[in-house]
Amino acid sequence: GCIIKSKQLRKLPHLARCKKHLLTTDGSPR
């Protein structure tokens, strides 16, 4: 009986010298 009040899908931010914001499989945003 839980209620989902909101649901978002957010791209992780790009930070200088970091690549973790991208998926390694195809380079799409994580």
Full PDB file with SEQRES, HELIX, SHEET, SSBOND, CRYST1, ORIGX, SCALE, CONECT and MASTER records, all heavy atoms in Angstrom:
SEQRES   1 A   30  GLY CYS ILE ILE LYS SER LYS GLN LEU ARG LYS LEU PRO          
SEQRES   2 A   30  HIS LEU ALA ARG CYS LYS LYS HIS LEU LEU THR THR ASP          
SEQRES   3 A   30  GLY SER PRO ARG                                              
CRYST1    1.000    1.000    1.000  90.00  90.00  90.00 P 1           1          
ORIGX1      1.000000  0.000000  0.000000        0.00000                         
ORIGX2      0.000000  1.000000  0.000000        0.00000                         
ORIGX3      0.000000  0.000000  1.000000        0.00000                         
SCALE1      1.000000  0.000000  0.000000        0.00000                         
SCALE2      0.000000  1.000000  0.000000        0.00000                         
SCALE3      0.000000  0.000000  1.000000        0.00000                         
ATOM      1  N   GLY A   1       0.787  -1.229   0.000  1.00  0.00           N  
ATOM      2  CA  GLY A   1       0.000   0.000   0.000  1.00  0.00           C  
ATOM      3  C   GLY A   1       0.817   1.275   0.000  1.00  0.00           C  
ATOM      4  O   GLY A   1       0.313   2.345   0.334  1.00  0.00           O  
ATOM      5  N   CYS A   2       2.088   1.188  -0.386  1.00  0.00           N  
ATOM      6  CA  CYS A   2       2.917   2.384  -0.488  1.00  0.00           C  
ATOM      7  C   CYS A   2       2.410   3.236  -1.654  1.00  0.00           C  
ATOM      8  O   CYS A   2       1.834   2.707  -2.610  1.00  0.00           O  
ATOM      9  CB  CYS A   2       4.376   2.001  -0.720  1.00  0.00           C  
ATOM     10  SG  CYS A   2       5.075   0.975   0.590  1.00  0.00           S  
ATOM     11  N   ILE A   3       2.630   4.527  -1.566  1.00  0.00           N  
ATOM     12  CA  ILE A   3       2.181   5.447  -2.611  1.00  0.00           C  
ATOM     13  C   ILE A   3       3.398   6.172  -3.169  1.00  0.00           C  
ATOM     14  O   ILE A   3       4.159   6.791  -2.420  1.00  0.00           O  
ATOM     15  CB  ILE A   3       1.167   6.465  -2.046  1.00  0.00           C  
ATOM     16  CG1 ILE A   3      -0.067   5.736  -1.524  1.00  0.00           C  
ATOM     17  CG2 ILE A   3       0.801   7.506  -3.096  1.00  0.00           C  
ATOM     18  CD1 ILE A   3      -0.998   6.600  -0.699  1.00  0.00           C  
ATOM     19  N   ILE A   4       3.572   6.108  -4.480  1.00  0.00           N  
ATOM     20  CA  ILE A   4       4.654   6.848  -5.131  1.00  0.00           C  
ATOM     21  C   ILE A   4       4.155   8.268  -5.362  1.00  0.00           C  
ATOM     22  O   ILE A   4       3.232   8.492  -6.133  1.00  0.00           O  
ATOM     23  CB  ILE A   4       5.080   6.177  -6.447  1.00  0.00           C  
ATOM     24  CG1 ILE A   4       5.667   4.795  -6.153  1.00  0.00           C  
ATOM     25  CG2 ILE A   4       6.090   7.055  -7.184  1.00  0.00           C  
ATOM     26  CD1 ILE A   4       6.010   3.988  -7.385  1.00  0.00           C  
ATOM     27  N   LYS A   5       4.775   9.220  -4.638  1.00  0.00           N  
ATOM     28  CA  LYS A   5       4.395  10.630  -4.753  1.00  0.00           C  
ATOM     29  C   LYS A   5       5.051  11.280  -5.954  1.00  0.00           C  
ATOM     30  O   LYS A   5       4.459  12.136  -6.591  1.00  0.00           O  
ATOM     31  CB  LYS A   5       4.773  11.388  -3.484  1.00  0.00           C  
ATOM     32  CG  LYS A   5       3.949  11.003  -2.261  1.00  0.00           C  
ATOM     33  CD  LYS A   5       4.326  11.834  -1.068  1.00  0.00           C  
ATOM     34  CE  LYS A   5       3.988  13.287  -1.331  1.00  0.00           C  
ATOM     35  NZ  LYS A   5       4.198  14.162  -0.181  1.00  0.00           N  
ATOM     36  N   SER A   6       6.297  10.900  -6.232  1.00  0.00           N  
ATOM     37  CA  SER A   6       6.985  11.434  -7.413  1.00  0.00           C  
ATOM     38  C   SER A   6       8.071  10.463  -7.840  1.00  0.00           C  
ATOM     39  O   SER A   6       8.574   9.674  -7.038  1.00  0.00           O  
ATOM     40  CB  SER A   6       7.584  12.825  -7.134  1.00  0.00           C  
ATOM     41  OG  SER A   6       8.663  12.736  -6.245  1.00  0.00           O  
ATOM     42  N   LYS A   7       8.396  10.560  -9.113  1.00  0.00           N  
ATOM     43  CA  LYS A   7       9.434   9.702  -9.685  1.00  0.00           C  
ATOM     44  C   LYS A   7      10.169  10.534 -10.728  1.00  0.00           C  
ATOM     45  O   LYS A   7       9.542  11.104 -11.626  1.00  0.00           O  
ATOM     46  CB  LYS A   7       8.800   8.479 -10.329  1.00  0.00           C  
ATOM     47  CG  LYS A   7       9.804   7.458 -10.769  1.00  0.00           C  
ATOM     48  CD  LYS A   7       9.278   6.222 -11.475  1.00  0.00           C  
ATOM     49  CE  LYS A   7       7.895   5.803 -11.248  1.00  0.00           C  
ATOM     50  NZ  LYS A   7       7.543   4.559 -11.938  1.00  0.00           N  
ATOM     51  N   GLN A   8      11.487  10.627 -10.570  1.00  0.00           N  
ATOM     52  CA  GLN A   8      12.321  11.354 -11.524  1.00  0.00           C  
ATOM     53  C   GLN A   8      13.436  10.444 -12.022  1.00  0.00           C  
ATOM     54  O   GLN A   8      13.892   9.571 -11.276  1.00  0.00           O  
ATOM     55  CB  GLN A   8      13.028  12.537 -10.861  1.00  0.00           C  
ATOM     56  CG  GLN A   8      12.211  13.592 -10.237  1.00  0.00           C  
ATOM     57  CD  GLN A   8      13.163  14.620  -9.602  1.00  0.00           C  
ATOM     58  OE1 GLN A   8      14.049  15.167 -10.245  1.00  0.00           O  
ATOM     59  NE2 GLN A   8      12.975  14.850  -8.319  1.00  0.00           N  
ATOM     60  N   LEU A   9      13.868  10.691 -13.222  1.00  0.00           N  
ATOM     61  CA  LEU A   9      15.068  10.061 -13.740  1.00  0.00           C  
ATOM     62  C   LEU A   9      16.006  11.204 -14.093  1.00  0.00           C  
ATOM     63  O   LEU A   9      15.706  12.018 -14.969  1.00  0.00           O  
ATOM     64  CB  LEU A   9      14.750   9.196 -14.960  1.00  0.00           C  
ATOM     65  CG  LEU A   9      15.831   8.255 -15.421  1.00  0.00           C  
ATOM     66  CD1 LEU A   9      16.203   7.273 -14.311  1.00  0.00           C  
ATOM     67  CD2 LEU A   9      15.401   7.498 -16.648  1.00  0.00           C  
ATOM     68  N   ARG A  10      17.112  11.314 -13.369  1.00  0.00           N  
ATOM     69  CA  ARG A  10      18.024  12.446 -13.510  1.00  0.00           C  
ATOM     70  C   ARG A  10      19.377  11.977 -14.030  1.00  0.00           C  
ATOM     71  O   ARG A  10      19.900  10.953 -13.581  1.00  0.00           O  
ATOM     72  CB  ARG A  10      18.221  13.131 -12.159  1.00  0.00           C  
ATOM     73  CG  ARG A  10      16.964  13.739 -11.597  1.00  0.00           C  
ATOM     74  CD  ARG A  10      17.140  14.168 -10.154  1.00  0.00           C  
ATOM     75  NE  ARG A  10      18.320  14.955  -9.871  1.00  0.00           N  
ATOM     76  CZ  ARG A  10      18.304  16.261  -9.585  1.00  0.00           C  
ATOM     77  NH1 ARG A  10      17.154  16.909  -9.546  1.00  0.00           N  
ATOM     78  NH2 ARG A  10      19.430  16.902  -9.313  1.00  0.00           N  
ATOM     79  N   LYS A  11      19.950  12.740 -14.951  1.00  0.00           N  
ATOM     80  CA  LYS A  11      21.303  12.466 -15.427  1.00  0.00           C  
ATOM     81  C   LYS A  11      22.281  12.919 -14.352  1.00  0.00           C  
ATOM     82  O   LYS A  11      22.129  13.987 -13.780  1.00  0.00           O  
ATOM     83  CB  LYS A  11      21.587  13.228 -16.717  1.00  0.00           C  
ATOM     84  CG  LYS A  11      20.760  12.784 -17.892  1.00  0.00           C  
ATOM     85  CD  LYS A  11      21.072  13.635 -19.103  1.00  0.00           C  
ATOM     86  CE  LYS A  11      20.148  13.285 -20.254  1.00  0.00           C  
ATOM     87  NZ  LYS A  11      20.364  14.167 -21.405  1.00  0.00           N  
ATOM     88  N   LEU A  12      23.266  12.074 -14.088  1.00  0.00           N  
ATOM     89  CA  LEU A  12      24.297  12.472 -13.140  1.00  0.00           C  
ATOM     90  C   LEU A  12      25.158  13.566 -13.761  1.00  0.00           C  
ATOM     91  O   LEU A  12      25.382  13.572 -14.977  1.00  0.00           O  
ATOM     92  CB  LEU A  12      25.147  11.268 -12.731  1.00  0.00           C  
ATOM     93  CG  LEU A  12      24.440  10.278 -11.814  1.00  0.00           C  
ATOM     94  CD1 LEU A  12      25.295   9.046 -11.579  1.00  0.00           C  
ATOM     95  CD2 LEU A  12      24.072  10.921 -10.483  1.00  0.00           C  
ATOM     96  N   PRO A  13      25.643  14.498 -12.954  1.00  0.00           N  
ATOM     97  CA  PRO A  13      26.365  15.650 -13.492  1.00  0.00           C  
ATOM     98  C   PRO A  13      27.763  15.290 -13.997  1.00  0.00           C  
ATOM     99  O   PRO A  13      28.400  14.361 -13.502  1.00  0.00           O  
ATOM    100  CB  PRO A  13      26.453  16.592 -12.292  1.00  0.00           C  
ATOM    101  CG  PRO A  13      26.438  15.689 -11.103  1.00  0.00           C  
ATOM    102  CD  PRO A  13      25.524  14.552 -11.489  1.00  0.00           C  
ATOM    103  N   HIS A  14      28.208  16.061 -14.989  1.00  0.00           N  
ATOM    104  CA  HIS A  14      29.576  15.929 -15.478  1.00  0.00           C  
ATOM    105  C   HIS A  14      30.461  16.804 -14.614  1.00  0.00           C  
ATOM    106  O   HIS A  14      30.173  17.977 -14.405  1.00  0.00           O  
ATOM    107  CB  HIS A  14      29.660  16.371 -16.946  1.00  0.00           C  
ATOM    108  CG  HIS A  14      31.055  16.383 -17.462  1.00  0.00           C  
ATOM    109  ND1 HIS A  14      31.813  17.524 -17.534  1.00  0.00           N  
ATOM    110  CD2 HIS A  14      31.843  15.380 -17.911  1.00  0.00           C  
ATOM    111  CE1 HIS A  14      33.003  17.230 -18.014  1.00  0.00           C  
ATOM    112  NE2 HIS A  14      33.045  15.936 -18.249  1.00  0.00           N  
ATOM    113  N   LEU A  15      31.524  16.221 -14.080  1.00  0.00           N  
ATOM    114  CA  LEU A  15      32.503  16.968 -13.303  1.00  0.00           C  
ATOM    115  C   LEU A  15      33.845  16.881 -14.026  1.00  0.00           C  
ATOM    116  O   LEU A  15      34.145  15.882 -14.687  1.00  0.00           O  
ATOM    117  CB  LEU A  15      32.640  16.395 -11.892  1.00  0.00           C  
ATOM    118  CG  LEU A  15      31.359  16.364 -11.051  1.00  0.00           C  
ATOM    119  CD1 LEU A  15      31.635  15.737  -9.690  1.00  0.00           C  
ATOM    120  CD2 LEU A  15      30.771  17.749 -10.886  1.00  0.00           C  
ATOM    121  N   ALA A  16      34.643  17.915 -13.882  1.00  0.00           N  
ATOM    122  CA  ALA A  16      35.948  17.957 -14.547  1.00  0.00           C  
ATOM    123  C   ALA A  16      36.762  16.712 -14.212  1.00  0.00           C  
ATOM    124  O   ALA A  16      36.806  16.272 -13.065  1.00  0.00           O  
ATOM    125  CB  ALA A  16      36.711  19.208 -14.119  1.00  0.00           C  
ATOM    126  N   ARG A  17      37.389  16.145 -15.221  1.00  0.00           N  
ATOM    127  CA  ARG A  17      38.266  14.977 -15.113  1.00  0.00           C  
ATOM    128  C   ARG A  17      37.567  13.718 -14.601  1.00  0.00           C  
ATOM    129  O   ARG A  17      38.221  12.795 -14.130  1.00  0.00           O  
ATOM    130  CB  ARG A  17      39.495  15.303 -14.262  1.00  0.00           C  
ATOM    131  CG  ARG A  17      40.357  16.401 -14.842  1.00  0.00           C  
ATOM    132  CD  ARG A  17      41.613  16.649 -14.039  1.00  0.00           C  
ATOM    133  NE  ARG A  17      41.418  16.873 -12.627  1.00  0.00           N  
ATOM    134  CZ  ARG A  17      41.162  18.047 -12.052  1.00  0.00           C  
ATOM    135  NH1 ARG A  17      41.050  19.121 -12.802  1.00  0.00           N  
ATOM    136  NH2 ARG A  17      41.034  18.148 -10.746  1.00  0.00           N  
ATOM    137  N   CYS A  18      36.261  13.677 -14.652  1.00  0.00           N  
ATOM    138  CA  CYS A  18      35.519  12.486 -14.218  1.00  0.00           C  
ATOM    139  C   CYS A  18      34.710  11.946 -15.399  1.00  0.00           C  
ATOM    140  O   CYS A  18      34.126  12.715 -16.163  1.00  0.00           O  
ATOM    141  CB  CYS A  18      34.556  12.815 -13.080  1.00  0.00           C  
ATOM    142  SG  CYS A  18      35.366  13.249 -11.544  1.00  0.00           S  
ATOM    143  N   LYS A  19      34.669  10.646 -15.508  1.00  0.00           N  
ATOM    144  CA  LYS A  19      33.900   9.999 -16.582  1.00  0.00           C  
ATOM    145  C   LYS A  19      32.771   9.128 -16.042  1.00  0.00           C  
ATOM    146  O   LYS A  19      32.049   8.504 -16.805  1.00  0.00           O  
ATOM    147  CB  LYS A  19      34.829   9.132 -17.443  1.00  0.00           C  
ATOM    148  CG  LYS A  19      35.907   9.903 -18.155  1.00  0.00           C  
ATOM    149  CD  LYS A  19      35.361  10.598 -19.362  1.00  0.00           C  
ATOM    150  CE  LYS A  19      36.498  11.202 -20.161  1.00  0.00           C  
ATOM    151  NZ  LYS A  19      36.122  12.436 -20.788  1.00  0.00           N  
ATOM    152  N   LYS A  20      32.629   9.057 -14.727  1.00  0.00           N  
ATOM    153  CA  LYS A  20      31.632   8.161 -14.123  1.00  0.00           C  
ATOM    154  C   LYS A  20      30.200   8.571 -14.421  1.00  0.00           C  
ATOM    155  O   LYS A  20      29.272   7.810 -14.176  1.00  0.00           O  
ATOM    156  CB  LYS A  20      31.832   8.069 -12.612  1.00  0.00           C  
ATOM    157  CG  LYS A  20      33.169   7.489 -12.211  1.00  0.00           C  
ATOM    158  CD  LYS A  20      33.268   6.038 -12.575  1.00  0.00           C  
ATOM    159  CE  LYS A  20      34.585   5.464 -12.063  1.00  0.00           C  
ATOM    160  NZ  LYS A  20      34.732   4.078 -12.347  1.00  0.00           N  
ATOM    161  N   HIS A  21      29.999   9.771 -14.949  1.00  0.00           N  
ATOM    162  CA  HIS A  21      28.651  10.215 -15.294  1.00  0.00           C  
ATOM    163  C   HIS A  21      28.159   9.570 -16.589  1.00  0.00           C  
ATOM    164  O   HIS A  21      26.996   9.739 -16.970  1.00  0.00           O  
ATOM    165  CB  HIS A  21      28.598  11.742 -15.412  1.00  0.00           C  
ATOM    166  CG  HIS A  21      29.322  12.279 -16.601  1.00  0.00           C  
ATOM    167  ND1 HIS A  21      30.701  12.262 -16.700  1.00  0.00           N  
ATOM    168  CD2 HIS A  21      28.859  12.808 -17.745  1.00  0.00           C  
ATOM    169  CE1 HIS A  21      31.052  12.771 -17.866  1.00  0.00           C  
ATOM    170  NE2 HIS A  21      29.957  13.116 -18.526  1.00  0.00           N  
ATOM    171  N   LEU A  22      29.038   8.815 -17.245  1.00  0.00           N  
ATOM    172  CA  LEU A  22      28.688   8.137 -18.492  1.00  0.00           C  
ATOM    173  C   LEU A  22      28.768   6.620 -18.301  1.00  0.00           C  
ATOM    174  O   LEU A  22      29.646   6.122 -17.589  1.00  0.00           O  
ATOM    175  CB  LEU A  22      29.653   8.541 -19.610  1.00  0.00           C  
ATOM    176  CG  LEU A  22      29.695  10.022 -19.967  1.00  0.00           C  
ATOM    177  CD1 LEU A  22      30.807  10.282 -20.967  1.00  0.00           C  
ATOM    178  CD2 LEU A  22      28.348  10.490 -20.499  1.00  0.00           C  
ATOM    179  N   LEU A  23      27.863   5.906 -18.953  1.00  0.00           N  
ATOM    180  CA  LEU A  23      27.928   4.442 -18.964  1.00  0.00           C  
ATOM    181  C   LEU A  23      29.101   4.020 -19.835  1.00  0.00           C  
ATOM    182  O   LEU A  23      29.320   4.591 -20.915  1.00  0.00           O  
ATOM    183  CB  LEU A  23      26.629   3.844 -19.496  1.00  0.00           C  
ATOM    184  CG  LEU A  23      25.401   4.025 -18.607  1.00  0.00           C  
ATOM    185  CD1 LEU A  23      24.133   3.619 -19.349  1.00  0.00           C  
ATOM    186  CD2 LEU A  23      25.539   3.218 -17.324  1.00  0.00           C  
ATOM    187  N   THR A  24      29.855   3.037 -19.387  1.00  0.00           N  
ATOM    188  CA  THR A  24      31.024   2.599 -20.148  1.00  0.00           C  
ATOM    189  C   THR A  24      30.642   1.784 -21.380  1.00  0.00           C  
ATOM    190  O   THR A  24      31.436   1.642 -22.301  1.00  0.00           O  
ATOM    191  CB  THR A  24      31.975   1.753 -19.267  1.00  0.00           C  
ATOM    192  OG1 THR A  24      31.260   0.627 -18.772  1.00  0.00           O  
ATOM    193  CG2 THR A  24      32.520   2.576 -18.115  1.00  0.00           C  
ATOM    194  N   THR A  25      29.425   1.268 -21.411  1.00  0.00           N  
ATOM    195  CA  THR A  25      29.012   0.424 -22.537  1.00  0.00           C  
ATOM    196  C   THR A  25      28.820   1.210 -23.821  1.00  0.00           C  
ATOM    197  O   THR A  25      29.258   0.776 -24.879  1.00  0.00           O  
ATOM    198  CB  THR A  25      27.704  -0.312 -22.201  1.00  0.00           C  
ATOM    199  OG1 THR A  25      26.757   0.638 -21.702  1.00  0.00           O  
ATOM    200  CG2 THR A  25      27.944  -1.398 -21.176  1.00  0.00           C  
ATOM    201  N   ASP A  26      28.178   2.378 -23.718  1.00  0.00           N  
ATOM    202  CA  ASP A  26      27.889   3.131 -24.942  1.00  0.00           C  
ATOM    203  C   ASP A  26      28.086   4.638 -24.798  1.00  0.00           C  
ATOM    204  O   ASP A  26      27.798   5.390 -25.723  1.00  0.00           O  
ATOM    205  CB  ASP A  26      26.457   2.842 -25.418  1.00  0.00           C  
ATOM    206  CG  ASP A  26      25.404   3.245 -24.411  1.00  0.00           C  
ATOM    207  OD1 ASP A  26      25.746   3.830 -23.364  1.00  0.00           O  
ATOM    208  OD2 ASP A  26      24.212   2.982 -24.677  1.00  0.00           O  
ATOM    209  N   GLY A  27      28.565   5.096 -23.652  1.00  0.00           N  
ATOM    210  CA  GLY A  27      28.818   6.518 -23.457  1.00  0.00           C  
ATOM    211  C   GLY A  27      27.569   7.356 -23.193  1.00  0.00           C  
ATOM    212  O   GLY A  27      27.656   8.578 -23.144  1.00  0.00           O  
ATOM    213  N   SER A  28      26.447   6.710 -23.029  1.00  0.00           N  
ATOM    214  CA  SER A  28      25.224   7.463 -22.737  1.00  0.00           C  
ATOM    215  C   SER A  28      25.252   7.930 -21.275  1.00  0.00           C  
ATOM    216  O   SER A  28      25.985   7.381 -20.454  1.00  0.00           O  
ATOM    217  CB  SER A  28      23.983   6.618 -23.027  1.00  0.00           C  
ATOM    218  OG  SER A  28      23.952   5.483 -22.215  1.00  0.00           O  
ATOM    219  N   PRO A  29      24.453   8.945 -20.948  1.00  0.00           N  
ATOM    220  CA  PRO A  29      24.471   9.461 -19.580  1.00  0.00           C  
ATOM    221  C   PRO A  29      24.036   8.411 -18.563  1.00  0.00           C  
ATOM    222  O   PRO A  29      23.106   7.642 -18.802  1.00  0.00           O  
ATOM    223  CB  PRO A  29      23.452  10.601 -19.611  1.00  0.00           C  
ATOM    224  CG  PRO A  29      23.296  10.957 -21.045  1.00  0.00           C  
ATOM    225  CD  PRO A  29      23.561   9.700 -21.820  1.00  0.00           C  
ATOM    226  N   ARG A  30      24.743   8.384 -17.436  1.00  0.00           N  
ATOM    227  CA  ARG A  30      24.358   7.531 -16.318  1.00  0.00           C  
ATOM    228  C   ARG A  30      23.284   8.294 -15.539  1.00  0.00           C  
ATOM    229  O   ARG A  30      23.439   9.472 -15.257  1.00  0.00           O  
ATOM    230  CB  ARG A  30      25.560   7.255 -15.421  1.00  0.00           C  
ATOM    231  CG  ARG A  30      25.273   6.255 -14.310  1.00  0.00           C  
ATOM    232  CD  ARG A  30      26.508   6.002 -13.447  1.00  0.00           C  
ATOM    233  NE  ARG A  30      27.683   5.622 -14.194  1.00  0.00           N  
ATOM    234  CZ  ARG A  30      27.953   4.380 -14.600  1.00  0.00           C  
ATOM    235  NH1 ARG A  30      27.124   3.401 -14.325  1.00  0.00           N  
ATOM    236  NH2 ARG A  30      29.052   4.117 -15.283  1.00  0.00           N  
TER     237      ARG A  30                                                      
MASTER        0    0    0    0    0    0    0    6  236    1    0    3          
END                                                                             
